[in-house]
Amino acid sequence: METNLPEKLEKNYPSQITNFETGLIVFLEKYNLPTDNIFVKVDERLVVFSNIDHVINQLDKELSSKSVYLSKYLAASAAGLFDAALNYLWDETILQLRKRVSQYDIEFFYDNAVGGEKRTNFRDENDLIKLQDSELINGAKEIELISELGYKHLSYINYMRNWASAAHPNQNQITGLQIVSWLETCIKEVISLPLSTAAVKIKHLLSNLRKEPINASNADEIGIFLTELSQEQANSLSSAFFGIYTRSETPEFLRNNIKLLLPLLWDAVDESTKESFGLKYAYFTANSLSESKRYAREFLELVGGQKFIPDDLRIVEIQSALTNLLNAHRGMNNFYNEPTFVKALIRVIGDPPKIPRKVNKDYTLAIVEVFLSNGNGVAWDAEDYYRKLINQFDNNQSTIALLSFHFKEIYTKLQFDLCNKKFKEMLIYLRPKITNQAVLDLMNEIEKFPATYDNLKIDSNIKRAVKNLNILLK
């Protein structure tokens, strides 16, 4: 009798859901409450439950037994409240991602996820709740706790959670196929995703370095592993080394371990990451953090990296203003906050802007990102400032802006219609500024590109054109 119960329940899903809804509507009507457009149609709910076995069975049973928000997700789906279901799904995803980070190397994560003076506010796993969801996802991507494809999918689900879930008042409709496919994405890309081999090795390396001193022979053995890292992994690990080295509480044996390994890693680190260490040195200088400044200089001197120390400490002010603007743009109240921070940026850079070379790319990409909007709407009170700054781009900045679809912060946005529209608008402002014929040829190809611009990065013709222009991205 009991073995047939699940099958009977499954066959009765339509009548059970319909009866539940009818009873609830009667209850709402009793108190003169609205009943129209409250519940998703029963057919859409059945789409969820007809696919749920395949999706949920991808979860480890021990993990599923503790996934409280997934129970709430299914309860909300059964009730026809897909907007609430999406909210619960996102809560479970963020909860599991925080657990994933806390079980990894928390300082390594913070060194890659949090920039500037904000980093000092993050110490242990209890501080993870201070991060915005977008910062958590981006930091996890930087240290390969989630894949690049997973990052793109989660960014989209986060967007839908912000604008189509019960997190905010809205009238958006979510289908059964969407809500169950998002569940599968969150399970595959976060909740049940195993760590990559490289991520596991980096975790073990950092753990072992913190335990005891190593010698030159140990360093040579580890160096073999370091040569196998991708550039992104080398960038992330070098950022972790810098963070560890410059903290006052770091034991001296751990700094000595880094002294042995950093020269073996340095050649694999890209110029942008190396320049970021110089910017951090400038930040320590500007804020009279003498001990961190001393360690930062030692770190750079280990690999002859003094050239990355900026002469103009105004760079730090610009970098801080850009960080504040981007944090406001990526936050929940961006329409209200962005105008204040773009005005603060303009005060720092001057009018017309004077941008030091070392922050030129960061500045350009930041202005492009905020101009493209968050995909849901435009920050009208900041819009004229963004247009003015783009119209003040020089040839080099205009080229970087055109090639910005190559960077994840931009191409992730370009999956949204509004961001595509804004990118097209930007091309109009850029064309008169560009003098390089190869760049103009690429612009022509982009203007007639048949798909959405998030596909530019993977199109073979565009990739060939960008490859020839890579020098302009540096």
Protein backbone atom coordinates (compact mmCIF):
# COMPACT_ATOMS: atom_id res chain seq x y z
CA MET A 1 0.00 0.00 0.00
CA GLU A 2 2.70 2.48 1.01
CA THR A 3 4.85 1.73 -2.03
CA ASN A 4 2.03 2.85 -4.35
CA LEU A 5 1.28 6.06 -2.46
CA PRO A 6 3.80 8.30 -4.27
CA GLU A 7 2.50 7.11 -7.66
CA LYS A 8 -1.11 7.81 -6.65
CA LEU A 9 -0.20 11.23 -5.36
CA GLU A 10 1.60 12.01 -8.60
CA LYS A 11 -1.42 10.97 -10.67
CA ASN A 12 -3.62 13.20 -8.50
CA TYR A 13 -1.43 16.31 -8.80
CA PRO A 14 -3.91 18.21 -11.04
CA SER A 15 -6.91 17.64 -8.76
CA GLN A 16 -4.92 18.20 -5.57
CA ILE A 17 -3.49 21.50 -6.79
CA THR A 18 -6.85 22.63 -8.14
CA ASN A 19 -8.68 21.75 -4.89
CA PHE A 20 -6.03 23.57 -2.84
CA GLU A 21 -6.35 26.67 -5.00
CA THR A 22 -10.16 26.62 -4.89
CA GLY A 23 -10.17 26.45 -1.10
CA LEU A 24 -7.65 29.27 -0.81
CA ILE A 25 -9.63 31.49 -3.21
CA VAL A 26 -12.77 30.95 -1.13
CA PHE A 27 -10.80 31.91 1.97
CA LEU A 28 -9.47 35.11 0.33
CA GLU A 29 -12.91 36.07 -0.93
CA LYS A 30 -14.30 35.71 2.57
CA TYR A 31 -12.09 38.61 3.63
CA ASN A 32 -12.71 40.59 0.42
CA LEU A 33 -9.08 40.13 -0.72
CA PRO A 34 -7.98 40.07 -4.40
CA THR A 35 -7.99 36.68 -6.11
CA ASP A 36 -7.26 37.59 -9.75
CA ASN A 37 -3.71 37.09 -11.08
CA ILE A 38 -2.49 35.79 -7.71
CA PHE A 39 -1.67 32.19 -8.66
CA VAL A 40 0.17 30.76 -11.66
CA LYS A 41 -2.03 28.48 -13.76
CA VAL A 42 -2.25 24.84 -12.68
CA ASP A 43 -0.79 23.69 -16.03
CA GLU A 44 2.38 25.69 -15.36
CA ARG A 45 2.72 24.18 -11.89
CA LEU A 46 2.38 20.69 -13.35
CA VAL A 47 5.31 21.45 -15.67
CA VAL A 48 7.44 21.90 -12.53
CA PHE A 49 6.30 18.70 -10.84
CA SER A 50 6.54 16.59 -13.99
CA ASN A 51 10.26 17.49 -14.19
CA ILE A 52 11.14 17.64 -10.52
CA ASP A 53 12.32 14.01 -10.14
CA HIS A 54 15.10 14.43 -12.70
CA VAL A 55 16.24 17.72 -11.19
CA ILE A 56 16.10 16.96 -7.47
CA ASN A 57 17.72 13.54 -7.91
CA GLN A 58 20.92 15.36 -8.93
CA LEU A 59 21.27 16.37 -5.27
CA ASP A 60 23.16 14.29 -2.76
CA LYS A 61 20.59 12.93 -0.26
CA GLU A 62 22.48 14.26 2.74
CA LEU A 63 22.52 17.70 1.17
CA SER A 64 18.89 17.62 0.07
CA SER A 65 17.79 16.67 3.60
CA LYS A 66 19.16 20.01 4.85
CA SER A 67 17.94 22.20 1.97
CA VAL A 68 15.11 23.98 3.78
CA TYR A 69 14.71 26.68 1.15
CA LEU A 70 14.23 24.05 -1.57
CA SER A 71 11.29 22.68 0.42
CA LYS A 72 9.88 26.20 0.52
CA TYR A 73 10.58 26.52 -3.20
CA LEU A 74 8.48 23.43 -3.95
CA ALA A 75 5.72 24.52 -1.56
CA ALA A 76 5.55 27.92 -3.25
CA SER A 77 5.58 26.27 -6.70
CA ALA A 78 2.70 23.98 -5.71
CA ALA A 79 0.75 26.99 -4.45
CA GLY A 80 1.27 28.79 -7.76
CA LEU A 81 3.47 31.48 -6.25
CA PHE A 82 6.42 31.26 -8.66
CA ASP A 83 7.71 34.70 -7.66
CA ALA A 84 8.10 33.47 -4.06
CA ALA A 85 9.56 30.18 -5.31
CA LEU A 86 12.29 32.06 -7.18
CA ASN A 87 13.13 33.99 -4.03
CA TYR A 88 13.47 30.76 -2.00
CA LEU A 89 15.60 29.18 -4.74
CA TRP A 90 17.94 32.15 -4.68
CA ASP A 91 18.13 32.04 -0.86
CA GLU A 92 19.21 28.38 -1.03
CA THR A 93 21.76 29.12 -3.76
CA ILE A 94 23.35 31.99 -1.83
CA LEU A 95 23.34 29.94 1.38
CA GLN A 96 25.13 27.04 -0.36
CA LEU A 97 27.58 29.38 -2.09
CA ARG A 98 28.50 30.94 1.26
CA LYS A 99 29.06 27.45 2.68
CA ARG A 100 31.19 26.60 -0.33
CA VAL A 101 33.32 29.70 0.19
CA SER A 102 33.67 29.18 3.96
CA GLN A 103 34.86 25.60 3.42
CA TYR A 104 37.49 26.77 0.95
CA ASP A 105 40.07 29.41 1.91
CA ILE A 106 38.21 32.45 3.21
CA GLU A 107 41.13 34.91 3.01
CA PHE A 108 41.91 33.79 -0.54
CA PHE A 109 38.29 34.47 -1.42
CA TYR A 110 38.20 37.93 0.20
CA ASP A 111 41.50 38.92 -1.44
CA ASN A 112 39.88 38.31 -4.84
CA ALA A 113 36.30 39.39 -4.12
CA VAL A 114 36.75 42.57 -2.09
CA GLY A 115 38.80 45.59 -3.12
CA GLY A 116 40.16 48.75 -1.58
CA GLU A 117 39.61 49.82 1.99
CA LYS A 118 36.52 47.62 2.18
CA ARG A 119 38.80 44.57 2.43
CA THR A 120 39.71 45.43 6.04
CA ASN A 121 36.09 44.75 7.07
CA PHE A 122 36.24 41.09 6.02
CA ARG A 123 37.97 38.53 8.23
CA ASP A 124 36.08 35.25 8.52
CA GLU A 125 32.98 33.43 7.30
CA ASN A 126 30.72 35.52 9.54
CA ASP A 127 31.49 38.50 7.32
CA LEU A 128 30.13 36.82 4.18
CA ILE A 129 26.68 38.26 4.87
CA LYS A 130 28.16 41.75 4.34
CA LEU A 131 28.76 40.99 0.67
CA GLN A 132 26.19 41.80 -1.97
CA ASP A 133 25.03 38.73 -3.87
CA SER A 134 26.75 40.02 -7.02
CA GLU A 135 30.05 40.36 -5.13
CA LEU A 136 29.72 36.83 -3.75
CA ILE A 137 29.09 35.38 -7.21
CA ASN A 138 31.90 37.36 -8.82
CA GLY A 139 34.37 36.40 -6.08
CA ALA A 140 33.43 32.73 -6.45
CA LYS A 141 34.04 33.00 -10.18
CA GLU A 142 37.44 34.65 -9.65
CA ILE A 143 38.73 31.69 -7.61
CA GLU A 144 36.90 29.10 -9.77
CA LEU A 145 34.40 27.91 -7.18
CA ILE A 146 31.90 28.32 -10.00
CA SER A 147 32.53 28.20 -13.73
CA GLU A 148 32.41 31.13 -16.15
CA LEU A 149 29.24 29.69 -17.69
CA GLY A 150 27.78 29.22 -14.21
CA TYR A 151 28.65 32.84 -13.43
CA LYS A 152 26.72 34.01 -16.47
CA HIS A 153 23.67 31.87 -15.63
CA LEU A 154 23.67 32.92 -11.98
CA SER A 155 23.97 36.59 -12.94
CA TYR A 156 20.84 36.18 -15.06
CA ILE A 157 18.94 34.37 -12.29
CA ASN A 158 20.04 37.08 -9.85
CA TYR A 159 18.66 39.67 -12.28
CA MET A 160 15.34 37.80 -12.49
CA ARG A 161 15.30 37.42 -8.71
CA ASN A 162 15.69 41.17 -8.32
CA TRP A 163 13.06 42.15 -10.86
CA ALA A 164 10.63 39.23 -11.27
CA SER A 165 10.49 37.57 -7.83
CA ALA A 166 8.72 38.39 -4.60
CA ALA A 167 11.81 40.36 -3.56
CA HIS A 168 10.20 43.44 -5.15
CA PRO A 169 6.65 44.41 -6.18
CA ASN A 170 6.16 43.42 -9.82
CA GLN A 171 3.70 42.03 -12.34
CA ASN A 172 6.13 39.80 -14.25
CA GLN A 173 5.08 36.30 -15.25
CA ILE A 174 7.38 33.30 -14.70
CA THR A 175 6.68 30.01 -16.49
CA GLY A 176 6.97 26.48 -15.13
CA LEU A 177 9.82 25.65 -17.50
CA GLN A 178 11.74 28.72 -16.37
CA ILE A 179 11.36 28.08 -12.66
CA VAL A 180 12.37 24.42 -12.89
CA SER A 181 15.28 25.11 -15.28
CA TRP A 182 16.60 27.75 -12.87
CA LEU A 183 16.44 25.15 -10.11
CA GLU A 184 18.52 22.75 -12.22
CA THR A 185 21.02 25.51 -13.00
CA CYS A 186 21.48 26.39 -9.33
CA ILE A 187 21.91 22.72 -8.40
CA LYS A 188 24.41 22.01 -11.18
CA GLU A 189 26.40 25.23 -10.98
CA VAL A 190 26.52 25.74 -7.21
CA ILE A 191 24.73 23.38 -4.85
CA SER A 192 26.16 20.07 -6.10
CA LEU A 193 29.12 21.27 -8.20
CA PRO A 194 32.41 19.58 -7.21
CA LEU A 195 35.51 21.75 -6.88
CA SER A 196 37.77 21.82 -9.93
CA THR A 197 41.09 19.98 -9.64
CA ALA A 198 43.03 23.25 -9.76
CA ALA A 199 40.82 24.81 -7.07
CA VAL A 200 41.40 21.83 -4.78
CA LYS A 201 45.17 22.03 -5.32
CA ILE A 202 45.22 25.78 -4.61
CA LYS A 203 43.23 25.20 -1.43
CA HIS A 204 45.69 22.55 -0.26
CA LEU A 205 48.67 24.72 -1.22
CA LEU A 206 47.45 27.70 0.80
CA SER A 207 46.57 25.45 3.71
CA ASN A 208 50.02 23.84 3.73
CA LEU A 209 51.82 27.17 3.38
CA ARG A 210 50.08 28.40 6.52
CA LYS A 211 51.14 25.34 8.53
CA GLU A 212 54.92 25.27 8.31
CA PRO A 213 57.99 26.68 6.57
CA ILE A 214 59.07 25.34 3.17
CA ASN A 215 62.59 25.25 1.70
CA ALA A 216 63.98 25.83 -1.79
CA SER A 217 63.52 22.17 -2.70
CA ASN A 218 59.84 22.27 -1.66
CA ALA A 219 59.42 25.48 -3.65
CA ASP A 220 60.78 23.88 -6.83
CA GLU A 221 58.32 20.99 -6.46
CA ILE A 222 55.42 23.40 -5.96
CA GLY A 223 56.71 25.43 -8.91
CA ILE A 224 55.81 22.55 -11.25
CA PHE A 225 52.19 22.90 -10.13
CA LEU A 226 52.32 26.69 -10.55
CA THR A 227 53.33 26.36 -14.20
CA GLU A 228 50.14 24.38 -14.85
CA LEU A 229 47.83 27.18 -13.68
CA SER A 230 45.79 29.19 -16.15
CA GLN A 231 46.37 32.94 -16.23
CA GLU A 232 43.16 33.55 -14.26
CA GLN A 233 44.29 31.09 -11.59
CA ALA A 234 47.74 32.67 -11.46
CA ASN A 235 46.12 36.11 -11.09
CA SER A 236 43.93 34.88 -8.23
CA LEU A 237 46.77 33.11 -6.42
CA SER A 238 49.08 36.12 -6.74
CA SER A 239 46.33 38.32 -5.26
CA ALA A 240 46.09 35.89 -2.35
CA PHE A 241 49.88 36.01 -1.89
CA PHE A 242 49.79 39.82 -1.88
CA GLY A 243 46.98 39.91 0.68
CA ILE A 244 48.74 37.46 2.98
CA TYR A 245 52.12 39.16 2.63
CA THR A 246 50.89 42.66 3.44
CA ARG A 247 48.77 41.83 6.50
CA SER A 248 50.48 42.79 9.76
CA GLU A 249 49.36 39.62 11.55
CA THR A 250 50.97 37.27 8.99
CA PRO A 251 53.69 35.12 10.63
CA GLU A 252 57.17 35.63 9.21
CA PHE A 253 57.59 32.00 8.13
CA LEU A 254 54.53 32.41 5.89
CA ARG A 255 56.01 35.51 4.27
CA ASN A 256 59.21 33.54 3.68
CA ASN A 257 57.17 30.81 2.00
CA ILE A 258 55.71 33.40 -0.35
CA LYS A 259 59.18 34.83 -1.04
CA LEU A 260 60.19 31.43 -2.38
CA LEU A 261 57.08 30.90 -4.53
CA LEU A 262 56.23 34.35 -5.89
CA PRO A 263 59.14 34.50 -8.41
CA LEU A 264 57.98 31.13 -9.81
CA LEU A 265 54.44 32.48 -10.33
CA TRP A 266 55.10 36.05 -11.43
CA ASP A 267 55.59 35.52 -15.17
CA ALA A 268 52.15 33.92 -15.45
CA VAL A 269 50.41 36.92 -13.85
CA ASP A 270 48.92 39.47 -16.27
CA GLU A 271 49.86 43.16 -16.39
CA SER A 272 46.52 44.34 -15.05
CA THR A 273 46.90 42.27 -11.88
CA LYS A 274 50.48 43.43 -11.40
CA GLU A 275 49.36 47.04 -11.76
CA SER A 276 46.68 46.44 -9.13
CA PHE A 277 49.43 45.65 -6.60
CA GLY A 278 51.03 49.00 -7.40
CA LEU A 279 47.67 50.70 -6.85
CA LYS A 280 47.31 48.97 -3.48
CA TYR A 281 50.76 50.19 -2.54
CA ALA A 282 49.60 53.71 -3.40
CA TYR A 283 46.48 53.20 -1.27
CA PHE A 284 48.59 52.16 1.72
CA THR A 285 50.74 55.24 1.18
CA ALA A 286 47.82 57.65 0.91
CA ASN A 287 46.22 56.27 4.07
CA SER A 288 49.42 56.22 6.17
CA LEU A 289 49.34 52.43 6.54
CA SER A 290 53.10 52.31 6.96
CA GLU A 291 53.44 48.60 7.82
CA SER A 292 51.28 47.42 4.92
CA LYS A 293 53.10 49.89 2.64
CA ARG A 294 56.48 48.43 3.66
CA TYR A 295 55.34 44.85 3.03
CA ALA A 296 53.76 45.81 -0.31
CA ARG A 297 57.03 47.30 -1.50
CA GLU A 298 58.93 44.20 -0.35
CA PHE A 299 56.46 42.07 -2.31
CA LEU A 300 57.03 44.03 -5.50
CA GLU A 301 60.78 44.17 -5.03
CA LEU A 302 60.89 40.36 -4.84
CA VAL A 303 60.02 40.25 -8.56
CA GLY A 304 61.35 43.60 -9.77
CA GLY A 305 57.84 45.00 -9.82
CA GLN A 306 58.63 48.51 -8.56
CA LYS A 307 57.65 49.90 -11.98
CA PHE A 308 54.05 49.12 -11.10
CA ILE A 309 54.09 51.60 -8.22
CA PRO A 310 52.28 54.71 -9.54
CA ASP A 311 53.93 58.11 -9.29
CA ASP A 312 50.62 59.92 -9.12
CA LEU A 313 48.73 59.06 -5.95
CA ARG A 314 45.70 60.73 -7.47
CA ILE A 315 45.23 57.36 -9.11
CA VAL A 316 44.09 56.02 -5.75
CA GLU A 317 41.39 58.68 -5.52
CA ILE A 318 40.13 57.81 -9.00
CA GLN A 319 40.18 54.07 -8.27
CA SER A 320 38.25 54.66 -5.04
CA ALA A 321 35.67 56.82 -6.84
CA LEU A 322 35.25 54.15 -9.55
CA THR A 323 34.79 51.44 -6.90
CA ASN A 324 32.15 53.51 -5.12
CA LEU A 325 30.29 54.17 -8.38
CA LEU A 326 30.34 50.49 -9.41
CA ASN A 327 29.21 49.36 -5.96
CA ALA A 328 26.30 51.80 -6.17
CA HIS A 329 25.45 50.63 -9.70
CA ARG A 330 25.51 46.95 -8.76
CA GLY A 331 23.52 47.46 -5.55
CA MET A 332 19.78 47.34 -4.94
CA ASN A 333 19.12 51.13 -4.88
CA ASN A 334 21.29 52.03 -7.84
CA PHE A 335 18.84 54.48 -9.47
CA TYR A 336 18.93 56.62 -6.32
CA ASN A 337 22.65 56.26 -5.49
CA GLU A 338 24.41 56.48 -8.87
CA PRO A 339 24.05 60.26 -9.48
CA THR A 340 25.85 61.09 -6.22
CA PHE A 341 28.80 58.85 -7.02
CA VAL A 342 29.22 59.86 -10.66
CA LYS A 343 29.35 63.51 -9.55
CA ALA A 344 32.02 62.56 -7.00
CA LEU A 345 33.99 60.81 -9.76
CA ILE A 346 33.82 63.90 -12.00
CA ARG A 347 35.15 66.05 -9.16
CA VAL A 348 38.19 63.74 -8.92
CA ILE A 349 38.95 63.35 -12.65
CA GLY A 350 38.25 66.97 -13.61
CA ASP A 351 36.31 68.41 -16.55
CA PRO A 352 37.54 67.60 -19.10
CA PRO A 353 38.79 64.37 -17.53
CA LYS A 354 42.48 63.72 -17.00
CA ILE A 355 42.96 59.98 -16.55
CA PRO A 356 46.37 58.52 -15.64
CA ARG A 357 47.45 55.67 -17.91
CA LYS A 358 47.44 53.06 -15.14
CA VAL A 359 43.69 53.45 -14.50
CA ASN A 360 42.68 54.26 -18.06
CA LYS A 361 41.24 50.83 -18.81
CA ASP A 362 39.51 50.50 -15.43
CA TYR A 363 37.99 53.96 -15.88
CA THR A 364 36.75 53.24 -19.41
CA LEU A 365 35.22 49.87 -18.56
CA ALA A 366 33.52 51.31 -15.48
CA ILE A 367 31.89 54.11 -17.48
CA VAL A 368 30.74 51.60 -20.12
CA GLU A 369 29.28 49.32 -17.44
CA VAL A 370 27.23 52.03 -15.74
CA PHE A 371 26.09 53.49 -19.07
CA LEU A 372 24.74 50.10 -20.21
CA SER A 373 22.35 50.14 -17.20
CA ASN A 374 21.48 47.15 -15.02
CA GLY A 375 19.25 45.69 -17.73
CA ASN A 376 16.03 46.70 -16.00
CA GLY A 377 16.03 50.49 -16.29
CA VAL A 378 18.16 53.60 -16.69
CA ALA A 379 19.39 55.79 -13.82
CA TRP A 380 17.98 58.92 -15.44
CA ASP A 381 19.62 61.45 -13.13
CA ALA A 382 23.04 59.97 -13.93
CA GLU A 383 22.46 59.28 -17.63
CA ASP A 384 23.54 62.70 -18.96
CA TYR A 385 26.79 62.48 -16.99
CA TYR A 386 27.55 59.06 -18.50
CA ARG A 387 26.87 60.33 -22.04
CA LYS A 388 29.12 63.32 -21.45
CA LEU A 389 31.98 61.15 -20.15
CA ILE A 390 31.69 58.77 -23.14
CA ASN A 391 31.68 61.73 -25.53
CA GLN A 392 34.90 62.87 -23.86
CA PHE A 393 36.66 59.53 -24.53
CA ASP A 394 39.83 59.83 -26.56
CA ASN A 395 40.81 57.39 -29.34
CA ASN A 396 42.33 54.84 -26.95
CA GLN A 397 39.42 54.94 -24.51
CA SER A 398 36.93 54.65 -27.39
CA THR A 399 38.76 51.57 -28.64
CA ILE A 400 38.68 49.99 -25.19
CA ALA A 401 34.95 50.78 -24.96
CA LEU A 402 34.31 49.12 -28.33
CA LEU A 403 36.23 46.03 -27.22
CA SER A 404 34.54 46.00 -23.80
CA PHE A 405 32.31 43.05 -24.78
CA HIS A 406 35.47 40.98 -24.23
CA PHE A 407 35.24 41.51 -20.43
CA LYS A 408 32.88 39.46 -18.28
CA GLU A 409 31.31 42.43 -16.44
CA ILE A 410 30.18 43.75 -19.83
CA TYR A 411 29.33 40.64 -21.84
CA THR A 412 27.27 39.29 -18.96
CA LYS A 413 25.10 42.44 -19.18
CA LEU A 414 24.72 42.10 -22.94
CA GLN A 415 22.31 39.18 -22.59
CA PHE A 416 19.66 41.80 -21.67
CA ASP A 417 17.73 43.75 -24.31
CA LEU A 418 18.16 47.16 -22.68
CA CYS A 419 21.93 46.69 -22.39
CA ASN A 420 22.10 45.73 -26.07
CA LYS A 421 20.20 48.89 -26.94
CA LYS A 422 22.56 51.02 -24.83
CA PHE A 423 25.63 49.37 -26.42
CA LYS A 424 24.29 50.28 -29.87
CA GLU A 425 23.77 53.85 -28.69
CA MET A 426 27.34 53.94 -27.39
CA LEU A 427 28.69 52.92 -30.81
CA ILE A 428 27.26 56.15 -32.26
CA TYR A 429 29.26 58.22 -29.77
CA LEU A 430 32.44 56.20 -30.29
CA ARG A 431 32.66 56.22 -34.09
CA PRO A 432 33.93 59.84 -34.49
CA LYS A 433 36.66 59.19 -31.87
CA ILE A 434 38.26 56.13 -33.49
CA THR A 435 41.04 56.62 -36.02
CA ASN A 436 42.37 53.06 -36.45
CA GLN A 437 40.92 51.47 -39.62
CA ALA A 438 41.09 47.92 -38.18
CA VAL A 439 39.06 49.08 -35.20
CA LEU A 440 36.54 50.77 -37.48
CA ASP A 441 36.25 47.54 -39.49
CA LEU A 442 35.47 45.69 -36.27
CA MET A 443 32.84 48.31 -35.40
CA ASN A 444 31.20 47.71 -38.78
CA GLU A 445 31.09 43.98 -38.07
CA ILE A 446 29.55 44.59 -34.63
CA GLU A 447 26.91 46.96 -36.01
CA LYS A 448 25.63 44.30 -38.42
CA PHE A 449 26.00 41.41 -35.94
CA PRO A 450 22.74 39.40 -36.16
CA ALA A 451 22.56 38.07 -32.59
CA THR A 452 22.60 39.70 -29.16
CA TYR A 453 25.96 41.20 -28.24
CA ASP A 454 26.72 38.71 -25.46
CA ASN A 455 27.52 36.34 -28.34
CA LEU A 456 30.20 38.62 -29.80
CA LYS A 457 32.85 37.06 -27.56
CA ILE A 458 32.31 33.59 -29.01
CA ASP A 459 31.73 34.46 -32.67
CA SER A 460 34.66 33.13 -34.73
CA ASN A 461 34.93 36.18 -37.04
CA ILE A 462 34.80 38.62 -34.16
CA LYS A 463 37.34 36.55 -32.17
CA ARG A 464 39.81 36.74 -35.07
CA ALA A 465 39.38 40.49 -35.33
CA VAL A 466 39.78 40.99 -31.57
CA LYS A 467 42.88 38.78 -31.49
CA ASN A 468 44.61 41.17 -33.85
CA LEU A 469 43.66 44.09 -31.59
CA ASN A 470 44.57 42.54 -28.25
CA ILE A 471 47.45 44.94 -27.81
CA LEU A 472 44.87 47.71 -27.48
CA LEU A 473 43.30 46.00 -24.46
CA LYS A 474 46.49 46.36 -22.41
